[in-house]
Amino acid sequence: MIHSLFLINCSGDIFLEKHWKSVVSQSVCDYFFEAQEKAIDVENVPPVISTPHHYLISIYRDKIFFVSVIQTEVPPLFVIEFLHRVADTFQDYFGECSETAIKDNVVIVYELLEEMLDNGFPLATESNILKELIKPPTILRSVVNSITGSSNVGDTLPTGQLSNIPWRRAGVKYTNNEAYFDVIEEIDAIIDKSGSTVFAEIQGVIDSCIKLSGMPDLSLSFMNPRLLDDVSFHPCIRFKRWESERVLSFIPPDGNFRLISYRVSSQNLVAIPVYVKHMISFKENTSSGRFDVTIGPKQNMGKTVEGVVMTVHMPKAVLNMNLTATQGSYTFDPVTKVLTWDVGKITPQKLPNLKGIVNLQSGAPKPEENPSLNIQFKIQQLAISGNCRKRVLRKDPKYHIFHPDTRSKFKTNTRLLLLRKKRANMWHLLVLDMQLG
């Protein structure tokens, strides 16, 4: 399946490579570099590239390209999912998936890749299993290894691999039993000029952090599970109970893992909590234009919109901008042509506004299209999908589920007269029943 893996930074340097079946020359990456040069943005590089003798399947994570080399036809999404799992493992082990972290822990990186793939096929991808095979790096362990000459490789096989629940290790004990659920939702929406929602769709995942002793058997339910479409489950989920009762019943892995991913279709009402009034225009036969943007709360159920930051990628013909902000501060980078407006908290009594003049390069033609607007903000105690209930049922006094703050984070894109809401992240606690196994 996967013959080789190359890690490439944004500068085009191959700083790490791993081969499983046979050594593949780095020259195969020339096809990837050609596609990268043709792409407008690094995220627009084609994920699948066909070459005369190989297929290159890649992802882009944290300013790093993970490029895998395939010699036979395989499902591309299968390889892409595995590459994301590799990046998530690096994030879990080193705290960040960056070029510096990978270079500083290059020995552990090779050990992890050796365990995650066996002769090019995925073998151990669960974090719990890998941490028993390869111990995470610590300062004390690094000092001991340098003195004794030992390695981070475990002496025994993971206990979970010998049971019918391979995702959970045996003998887990905690003084404080806790369970956290992080609901992350990405919203795609199109809004017309009047502010009405034309199309809206939610792509969501539930990331969990379980720290419970023994072999807990959990069940998790939603307020309206019928809203969820295209649900993808972790192997621990009992699928038959979901089909019959629409309840998530599972024995969870220990630590962090992704429980499910789902989609909420556009047929259901999705309330967009903010609106943007924008007027961006460029005059014909002149070297100037107008910029006027106002941001306000909408359908936020009385919650405060805070942490608002607007980013605008202006056309290349823009020389500089002379703007006035009624709230917050703005910066414009004349090299990257990126306008950043840090608004802060929005008060309904006085809406933030940014307007002024845009100066174009002399003799430059009028930009063919208006720039896109990316807006990030937070709303505490607000669930966009409305599919979660903040209630915990506890059957065993040994297990205590803490109530984390419900947090919402959104990113909005706008283009021409359409407002495109691209991303939303939020925390929300779900209904949870627990039993001792």
Protein backbone atom coordinates (compact mmCIF):
# COMPACT_ATOMS: atom_id res chain seq x y z
CA MET A 1 0.00 0.00 0.00
CA ILE A 2 2.11 2.95 1.25
CA HIS A 3 5.69 2.55 0.05
CA SER A 4 7.21 5.81 1.28
CA LEU A 5 6.36 8.95 3.21
CA PHE A 6 7.97 12.36 2.73
CA LEU A 7 7.55 15.37 5.02
CA ILE A 8 8.01 18.67 3.17
CA ASN A 9 7.97 22.16 4.63
CA CYS A 10 6.57 25.29 2.95
CA SER A 11 10.00 26.09 1.50
CA GLY A 12 10.01 22.86 -0.48
CA ASP A 13 12.65 21.10 1.64
CA ILE A 14 12.25 17.38 2.38
CA PHE A 15 13.28 17.22 6.03
CA LEU A 16 12.18 13.63 6.72
CA GLU A 17 11.50 10.49 4.70
CA LYS A 18 10.50 6.97 5.64
CA HIS A 19 10.43 3.88 3.39
CA TRP A 20 8.68 0.61 4.16
CA LYS A 21 8.88 -1.71 1.15
CA SER A 22 11.58 -0.27 -1.08
CA VAL A 23 13.48 2.99 -1.26
CA VAL A 24 11.78 5.51 -3.53
CA SER A 25 13.95 8.34 -4.83
CA GLN A 26 13.22 11.88 -3.70
CA SER A 27 12.88 12.82 -7.37
CA VAL A 28 9.31 11.49 -7.27
CA CYS A 29 8.44 14.61 -5.28
CA ASP A 30 9.21 16.75 -8.36
CA TYR A 31 5.66 16.02 -9.57
CA PHE A 32 4.36 17.33 -6.26
CA PHE A 33 6.50 20.48 -6.51
CA GLU A 34 5.12 21.15 -9.99
CA ALA A 35 1.57 20.90 -8.71
CA GLN A 36 2.47 23.13 -5.78
CA GLU A 37 3.76 25.85 -8.10
CA LYS A 38 0.54 25.77 -10.13
CA ALA A 39 -1.66 26.03 -7.03
CA ILE A 40 -2.74 29.48 -5.92
CA ASP A 41 -2.50 28.58 -2.24
CA VAL A 42 -0.76 25.80 -0.33
CA GLU A 43 -4.12 24.35 0.66
CA ASN A 44 -5.16 24.13 -3.00
CA VAL A 45 -2.52 21.55 -3.94
CA PRO A 46 -4.32 18.49 -5.40
CA PRO A 47 -4.46 15.75 -2.76
CA VAL A 48 -3.97 13.01 -5.37
CA ILE A 49 -1.30 13.34 -8.08
CA SER A 50 -0.77 10.68 -10.72
CA THR A 51 2.75 10.01 -11.99
CA PRO A 52 3.96 7.46 -14.59
CA HIS A 53 4.82 4.88 -11.94
CA HIS A 54 3.34 6.14 -8.65
CA TYR A 55 0.44 7.96 -7.04
CA LEU A 56 1.20 10.80 -4.66
CA ILE A 57 -1.43 11.32 -1.95
CA SER A 58 -0.84 14.24 0.38
CA ILE A 59 -2.33 16.38 3.13
CA TYR A 60 -1.32 19.79 4.52
CA ARG A 61 -1.15 20.12 8.30
CA ASP A 62 0.53 22.80 10.40
CA LYS A 63 2.67 24.15 7.55
CA ILE A 64 3.87 20.62 6.66
CA PHE A 65 3.02 18.51 3.62
CA PHE A 66 2.66 14.79 4.34
CA VAL A 67 3.28 13.16 0.95
CA SER A 68 2.79 9.40 0.63
CA VAL A 69 3.95 7.36 -2.35
CA ILE A 70 1.62 4.62 -3.62
CA GLN A 71 2.43 2.14 -6.40
CA THR A 72 -0.98 0.46 -6.67
CA GLU A 73 -4.50 1.82 -6.72
CA VAL A 74 -5.95 2.23 -3.21
CA PRO A 75 -8.88 4.27 -1.85
CA PRO A 76 -7.43 7.80 -1.55
CA LEU A 77 -9.57 8.68 1.47
CA PHE A 78 -8.14 5.68 3.30
CA VAL A 79 -4.61 7.02 2.84
CA ILE A 80 -5.65 10.58 3.65
CA GLU A 81 -7.27 9.43 6.88
CA PHE A 82 -4.10 7.56 7.84
CA LEU A 83 -1.94 10.64 7.15
CA HIS A 84 -4.19 12.71 9.39
CA ARG A 85 -3.83 10.03 12.03
CA VAL A 86 -0.03 10.34 11.77
CA ALA A 87 -0.25 14.11 12.22
CA ASP A 88 -2.59 13.69 15.20
CA THR A 89 -0.16 11.21 16.77
CA PHE A 90 2.70 13.70 16.45
CA GLN A 91 0.47 16.35 18.00
CA ASP A 92 -0.39 14.03 20.88
CA TYR A 93 3.22 12.98 21.53
CA PHE A 94 5.07 16.27 21.09
CA GLY A 95 2.39 18.86 21.88
CA GLU A 96 2.62 20.27 18.36
CA CYS A 97 3.02 18.93 14.85
CA SER A 98 5.75 21.25 13.63
CA GLU A 99 9.01 20.85 11.76
CA THR A 100 10.98 21.78 14.86
CA ALA A 101 9.20 19.26 17.09
CA ILE A 102 9.66 16.47 14.54
CA LYS A 103 13.38 17.21 14.12
CA ASP A 104 13.90 17.35 17.89
CA ASN A 105 12.25 13.94 18.31
CA VAL A 106 13.33 12.28 15.07
CA VAL A 107 14.11 8.93 16.74
CA ILE A 108 10.63 8.67 18.27
CA VAL A 109 9.11 9.74 14.93
CA TYR A 110 10.77 6.83 13.12
CA GLU A 111 9.76 4.43 15.91
CA LEU A 112 6.14 5.58 15.66
CA LEU A 113 6.06 5.26 11.88
CA GLU A 114 7.52 1.78 12.14
CA GLU A 115 4.74 0.70 14.52
CA MET A 116 1.90 2.47 12.71
CA LEU A 117 2.65 0.73 9.39
CA ASP A 118 3.63 -2.89 8.86
CA ASN A 119 5.01 -3.50 5.38
CA GLY A 120 3.07 -0.46 4.20
CA PHE A 121 -0.28 -1.40 5.80
CA PRO A 122 -1.75 0.33 8.89
CA LEU A 123 -1.19 -1.69 12.05
CA ALA A 124 -1.38 0.30 15.31
CA THR A 125 -2.98 3.74 15.05
CA GLU A 126 -4.66 4.05 18.46
CA SER A 127 -2.92 6.48 20.79
CA ASN A 128 -3.28 4.17 23.80
CA ILE A 129 -1.62 1.26 22.03
CA LEU A 130 1.18 3.42 20.67
CA LYS A 131 1.94 4.92 24.09
CA GLU A 132 2.43 1.44 25.48
CA LEU A 133 4.70 0.52 22.58
CA ILE A 134 6.57 3.85 22.39
CA LYS A 135 6.67 5.91 25.57
CA PRO A 136 6.07 9.66 25.06
CA PRO A 137 9.18 11.83 25.43
CA THR A 138 9.83 13.61 28.73
CA ILE A 139 12.85 15.48 30.05
CA LEU A 140 13.51 12.87 32.75
CA ARG A 141 13.17 9.97 30.30
CA SER A 142 15.52 11.70 27.84
CA VAL A 143 18.17 12.12 30.56
CA VAL A 144 17.83 8.48 31.67
CA ASN A 145 18.02 7.21 28.09
CA SER A 146 21.15 9.26 27.39
CA ILE A 147 22.85 7.85 30.49
CA THR A 148 21.73 4.23 30.29
CA GLY A 149 21.55 3.98 26.49
CA SER A 150 17.98 2.65 26.63
CA SER A 151 15.16 3.67 24.29
CA ASN A 152 11.49 4.61 24.55
CA VAL A 153 10.36 1.26 23.14
CA GLY A 154 8.32 -0.77 25.64
CA ASP A 155 9.47 -4.16 26.84
CA THR A 156 6.09 -5.90 26.60
CA LEU A 157 3.23 -5.99 24.13
CA PRO A 158 0.24 -3.75 24.84
CA THR A 159 -2.33 -5.55 26.95
CA GLY A 160 -5.18 -4.19 24.83
CA GLN A 161 -4.01 -6.04 21.74
CA LEU A 162 -4.58 -9.37 23.48
CA SER A 163 -8.26 -8.66 24.28
CA ASN A 164 -11.45 -8.12 22.31
CA ILE A 165 -11.22 -4.40 23.19
CA PRO A 166 -7.90 -3.48 21.57
CA TRP A 167 -8.50 0.27 21.87
CA ARG A 168 -8.37 0.27 25.69
CA ARG A 169 -5.52 -0.86 27.89
CA ALA A 170 -6.16 -2.96 30.96
CA GLY A 171 -5.65 -1.90 34.56
CA VAL A 172 -6.47 1.80 34.16
CA LYS A 173 -6.73 3.62 37.50
CA TYR A 174 -7.40 7.28 38.27
CA THR A 175 -7.84 9.12 41.55
CA ASN A 176 -10.30 11.53 39.95
CA ASN A 177 -12.53 10.07 37.25
CA GLU A 178 -13.31 12.61 34.54
CA ALA A 179 -14.86 12.66 31.08
CA TYR A 180 -14.84 15.61 28.66
CA PHE A 181 -16.52 15.92 25.29
CA ASP A 182 -15.46 18.57 22.79
CA VAL A 183 -17.96 19.19 19.99
CA ILE A 184 -16.25 20.86 17.01
CA GLU A 185 -18.51 22.03 14.22
CA GLU A 186 -17.69 23.59 10.86
CA ILE A 187 -20.52 25.54 9.24
CA ASP A 188 -20.76 26.33 5.53
CA ALA A 189 -23.37 29.00 4.86
CA ILE A 190 -24.33 31.39 2.08
CA ILE A 191 -26.11 34.59 3.11
CA ASP A 192 -27.63 37.06 0.67
CA LYS A 193 -27.20 40.84 0.85
CA SER A 194 -30.25 41.28 3.09
CA GLY A 195 -28.80 38.88 5.67
CA SER A 196 -31.09 35.91 4.98
CA THR A 197 -29.54 32.45 5.04
CA VAL A 198 -29.69 30.84 1.60
CA PHE A 199 -27.78 27.66 2.47
CA ALA A 200 -26.26 26.31 5.68
CA GLU A 201 -24.66 22.99 6.56
CA ILE A 202 -22.78 21.77 9.61
CA GLN A 203 -19.85 19.35 9.59
CA GLY A 204 -19.09 18.24 13.12
CA VAL A 205 -16.95 15.91 15.20
CA ILE A 206 -16.96 14.93 18.87
CA ASP A 207 -13.50 14.70 20.42
CA SER A 208 -13.37 13.05 23.83
CA CYS A 209 -10.98 12.99 26.75
CA ILE A 210 -11.81 10.04 29.00
CA LYS A 211 -9.97 9.46 32.28
CA LEU A 212 -11.98 6.72 33.98
CA SER A 213 -10.80 3.74 35.99
CA GLY A 214 -11.48 0.15 35.09
CA MET A 215 -13.57 -0.77 32.07
CA PRO A 216 -16.40 1.83 32.00
CA ASP A 217 -19.44 1.29 29.80
CA LEU A 218 -20.84 4.64 28.66
CA SER A 219 -23.94 5.71 26.80
CA LEU A 220 -24.36 9.13 25.25
CA SER A 221 -27.54 10.54 23.73
CA PHE A 222 -28.59 13.65 21.83
CA MET A 223 -31.63 15.88 22.01
CA ASN A 224 -32.46 15.21 18.36
CA PRO A 225 -30.24 12.50 16.88
CA ARG A 226 -32.28 12.42 13.66
CA LEU A 227 -30.53 15.62 12.60
CA LEU A 228 -27.23 13.76 12.20
CA ASP A 229 -26.39 12.45 8.73
CA ASP A 230 -23.36 10.59 7.36
CA VAL A 231 -22.19 9.60 10.83
CA SER A 232 -18.74 8.00 11.10
CA PHE A 233 -17.97 6.11 14.32
CA HIS A 234 -14.96 5.15 16.36
CA PRO A 235 -14.59 1.32 16.48
CA CYS A 236 -15.66 1.33 20.13
CA ILE A 237 -19.24 2.38 19.25
CA ARG A 238 -21.90 -0.36 19.32
CA PHE A 239 -23.48 0.22 15.92
CA LYS A 240 -26.57 -1.95 16.46
CA ARG A 241 -27.73 0.14 19.41
CA TRP A 242 -27.24 3.32 17.43
CA GLU A 243 -29.37 1.92 14.62
CA SER A 244 -32.18 0.86 16.96
CA GLU A 245 -32.16 3.57 19.67
CA ARG A 246 -29.97 6.36 18.27
CA VAL A 247 -27.83 6.18 21.42
CA LEU A 248 -24.03 6.02 21.48
CA SER A 249 -23.03 3.07 23.65
CA PHE A 250 -19.33 2.31 24.01
CA ILE A 251 -16.39 1.29 26.15
CA PRO A 252 -14.08 4.25 25.52
CA PRO A 253 -10.34 4.28 24.96
CA ASP A 254 -8.25 5.85 27.67
CA GLY A 255 -7.29 9.44 26.98
CA ASN A 256 -8.01 11.54 23.88
CA PHE A 257 -9.82 10.16 20.85
CA ARG A 258 -12.42 11.13 18.24
CA LEU A 259 -15.77 9.55 19.03
CA ILE A 260 -17.86 10.37 15.93
CA SER A 261 -18.03 12.72 12.97
CA TYR A 262 -21.32 13.80 11.46
CA ARG A 263 -23.14 16.22 9.19
CA VAL A 264 -26.28 18.34 9.75
CA SER A 265 -27.93 18.94 6.37
CA SER A 266 -29.21 22.26 5.04
CA GLN A 267 -32.82 21.09 5.40
CA ASN A 268 -32.58 21.93 9.11
CA LEU A 269 -32.61 25.53 10.30
CA VAL A 270 -29.13 26.81 11.19
CA ALA A 271 -29.11 30.20 12.90
CA ILE A 272 -26.14 32.37 11.97
CA PRO A 273 -25.23 34.38 15.10
CA VAL A 274 -23.62 37.39 13.36
CA TYR A 275 -24.16 39.54 10.30
CA VAL A 276 -21.74 41.58 8.20
CA LYS A 277 -22.66 44.67 6.18
CA HIS A 278 -19.93 45.39 3.65
CA MET A 279 -19.43 47.81 0.81
CA ILE A 280 -16.16 47.30 -1.04
CA SER A 281 -15.86 49.04 -4.40
CA PHE A 282 -13.13 50.09 -6.81
CA LYS A 283 -13.64 52.96 -9.23
CA GLU A 284 -12.93 52.77 -12.95
CA ASN A 285 -9.95 54.74 -14.31
CA THR A 286 -8.90 55.80 -10.82
CA SER A 287 -6.35 54.56 -8.31
CA SER A 288 -8.66 54.47 -5.31
CA GLY A 289 -11.63 52.62 -3.86
CA ARG A 290 -13.99 52.53 -0.86
CA PHE A 291 -13.97 50.09 2.05
CA ASP A 292 -16.82 49.97 4.57
CA VAL A 293 -17.54 46.99 6.86
CA THR A 294 -19.87 46.74 9.88
CA ILE A 295 -20.19 43.66 12.12
CA GLY A 296 -23.15 43.03 14.42
CA PRO A 297 -24.74 40.25 16.51
CA LYS A 298 -27.70 38.28 15.17
CA GLN A 299 -29.67 35.42 16.69
CA ASN A 300 -27.21 34.96 19.54
CA MET A 301 -29.89 34.46 22.21
CA GLY A 302 -28.67 37.41 24.24
CA LYS A 303 -25.09 36.13 24.42
CA THR A 304 -22.10 38.40 23.96
CA VAL A 305 -20.02 38.12 20.81
CA GLU A 306 -16.37 38.48 21.78
CA GLY A 307 -12.88 37.85 20.44
CA VAL A 308 -13.86 39.21 17.02
CA VAL A 309 -11.03 39.35 14.47
CA MET A 310 -11.54 40.10 10.78
CA THR A 311 -8.94 39.18 8.16
CA VAL A 312 -9.20 40.39 4.56
CA HIS A 313 -6.93 39.30 1.71
CA MET A 314 -6.92 42.39 -0.49
CA PRO A 315 -6.13 42.28 -4.24
CA LYS A 316 -2.51 42.53 -5.34
CA ALA A 317 -3.16 45.95 -6.90
CA VAL A 318 -3.79 47.52 -3.46
CA LEU A 319 -0.91 49.78 -2.40
CA ASN A 320 -2.11 50.90 1.05
CA MET A 321 -5.28 51.62 3.01
CA ASN A 322 -6.32 54.67 5.02
CA LEU A 323 -9.09 53.47 7.33
CA THR A 324 -10.83 54.58 10.51
CA ALA A 325 -12.03 52.04 13.09
CA THR A 326 -14.74 52.93 15.59
CA GLN A 327 -13.59 50.05 17.77
CA GLY A 328 -10.39 48.09 18.08
CA SER A 329 -7.31 48.48 15.88
CA TYR A 330 -6.31 47.40 12.40
CA THR A 331 -3.08 46.63 10.55
CA PHE A 332 -2.35 46.27 6.83
CA ASP A 333 0.65 44.37 5.51
CA PRO A 334 1.66 45.89 2.13
CA VAL A 335 3.68 42.77 1.26
CA THR A 336 1.09 40.05 1.83
CA LYS A 337 -1.85 42.46 1.20
CA VAL A 338 -3.59 41.19 4.35
CA LEU A 339 -5.81 43.49 6.41
CA THR A 340 -6.35 42.45 10.04
CA TRP A 341 -8.94 44.15 12.24
CA ASP A 342 -8.94 43.19 15.93
CA VAL A 343 -12.40 44.21 17.12
CA GLY A 344 -12.72 42.52 20.50
CA LYS A 345 -16.19 42.43 22.07
CA ILE A 346 -19.28 43.61 20.20
CA THR A 347 -21.87 45.68 22.05
CA PRO A 348 -25.29 45.94 20.32
CA GLN A 349 -25.62 49.59 21.30
CA LYS A 350 -22.53 50.59 19.30
CA LEU A 351 -21.63 48.32 16.37
CA PRO A 352 -17.97 48.28 15.24
CA ASN A 353 -17.30 49.84 11.85
CA LEU A 354 -14.21 50.06 9.68
CA LYS A 355 -14.25 52.36 6.67
CA GLY A 356 -11.93 54.47 4.58
CA ILE A 357 -10.08 54.75 1.28
CA VAL A 358 -8.19 52.02 -0.58
CA ASN A 359 -5.23 53.24 -2.66
CA LEU A 360 -4.32 51.22 -5.74
CA GLN A 361 -1.07 51.12 -7.67
CA SER A 362 -0.84 53.77 -10.35
CA GLY A 363 -1.97 52.43 -13.73
CA ALA A 364 -3.14 49.13 -12.25
CA PRO A 365 -6.41 47.78 -13.69
CA LYS A 366 -9.51 47.60 -11.54
CA PRO A 367 -9.67 44.33 -9.51
CA GLU A 368 -12.06 41.89 -11.16
CA GLU A 369 -13.65 40.74 -7.90
CA ASN A 370 -14.06 41.83 -4.30
CA PRO A 371 -11.84 40.25 -1.62
CA SER A 372 -12.99 37.58 0.80
CA LEU A 373 -13.58 38.37 4.48
CA ASN A 374 -12.63 35.91 7.24
CA ILE A 375 -14.26 36.67 10.60
CA GLN A 376 -13.42 34.80 13.79
CA PHE A 377 -15.35 35.25 17.03
CA LYS A 378 -16.46 33.48 20.21
CA ILE A 379 -19.83 33.12 21.90
CA GLN A 380 -19.96 31.59 25.38
CA GLN A 381 -22.80 29.20 26.31
CA LEU A 382 -24.27 28.90 22.81
CA ALA A 383 -24.67 25.74 20.74
CA ILE A 384 -25.19 26.39 17.04
CA SER A 385 -26.66 23.04 16.07
CA GLY A 386 -28.87 22.93 19.17
CA ASN A 387 -28.48 19.15 19.22
CA CYS A 388 -26.89 18.84 22.67
CA ARG A 389 -28.35 18.96 26.17
CA LYS A 390 -26.30 20.20 29.07
CA ARG A 391 -27.18 17.47 31.55
CA VAL A 392 -25.20 14.63 33.09
CA LEU A 393 -26.64 11.40 34.50
CA ARG A 394 -24.30 9.56 36.84
CA LYS A 395 -25.07 6.04 38.04
CA ASP A 396 -21.91 5.36 40.02
CA PRO A 397 -20.68 7.79 42.71
CA LYS A 398 -17.09 6.94 41.83
CA TYR A 399 -17.46 8.65 38.48
CA HIS A 400 -17.76 12.40 38.41
CA ILE A 401 -18.24 14.29 35.16
CA PHE A 402 -17.04 17.87 35.30
CA HIS A 403 -18.96 20.66 33.57
CA PRO A 404 -16.54 22.55 31.31
CA ASP A 405 -17.50 25.96 29.97
CA THR A 406 -19.47 25.86 26.75
CA ARG A 407 -17.34 27.70 24.22
CA SER A 408 -18.09 28.72 20.65
CA LYS A 409 -15.67 29.90 18.02
CA PHE A 410 -16.62 30.85 14.46
CA LYS A 411 -14.87 31.78 11.26
CA THR A 412 -16.81 33.55 8.51
CA ASN A 413 -15.90 34.11 4.88
CA THR A 414 -17.63 36.59 2.62
CA ARG A 415 -17.20 37.07 -1.10
CA LEU A 416 -18.90 39.73 -3.24
CA LEU A 417 -22.53 39.94 -2.04
CA LEU A 418 -22.52 36.51 -0.44
CA LEU A 419 -21.47 35.86 3.15
CA ARG A 420 -19.85 32.44 3.47
CA LYS A 421 -19.66 31.03 6.98
CA LYS A 422 -16.91 28.51 6.87
CA ARG A 423 -16.08 27.29 10.30
CA ALA A 424 -17.39 27.03 13.84
CA ASN A 425 -15.88 25.32 16.86
CA MET A 426 -17.71 24.85 20.13
CA TRP A 427 -17.63 22.94 23.39
CA HIS A 428 -20.81 21.43 24.75
CA LEU A 429 -21.47 18.71 27.30
CA LEU A 430 -23.74 15.86 26.23
CA VAL A 431 -26.04 13.48 28.05
CA LEU A 432 -23.91 10.75 29.57
CA ASP A 433 -24.92 7.53 31.35
CA MET A 434 -22.12 5.55 32.98
CA GLN A 435 -21.82 2.06 34.40
CA LEU A 436 -18.93 0.17 35.87
CA GLY A 437 -17.75 -2.68 33.70
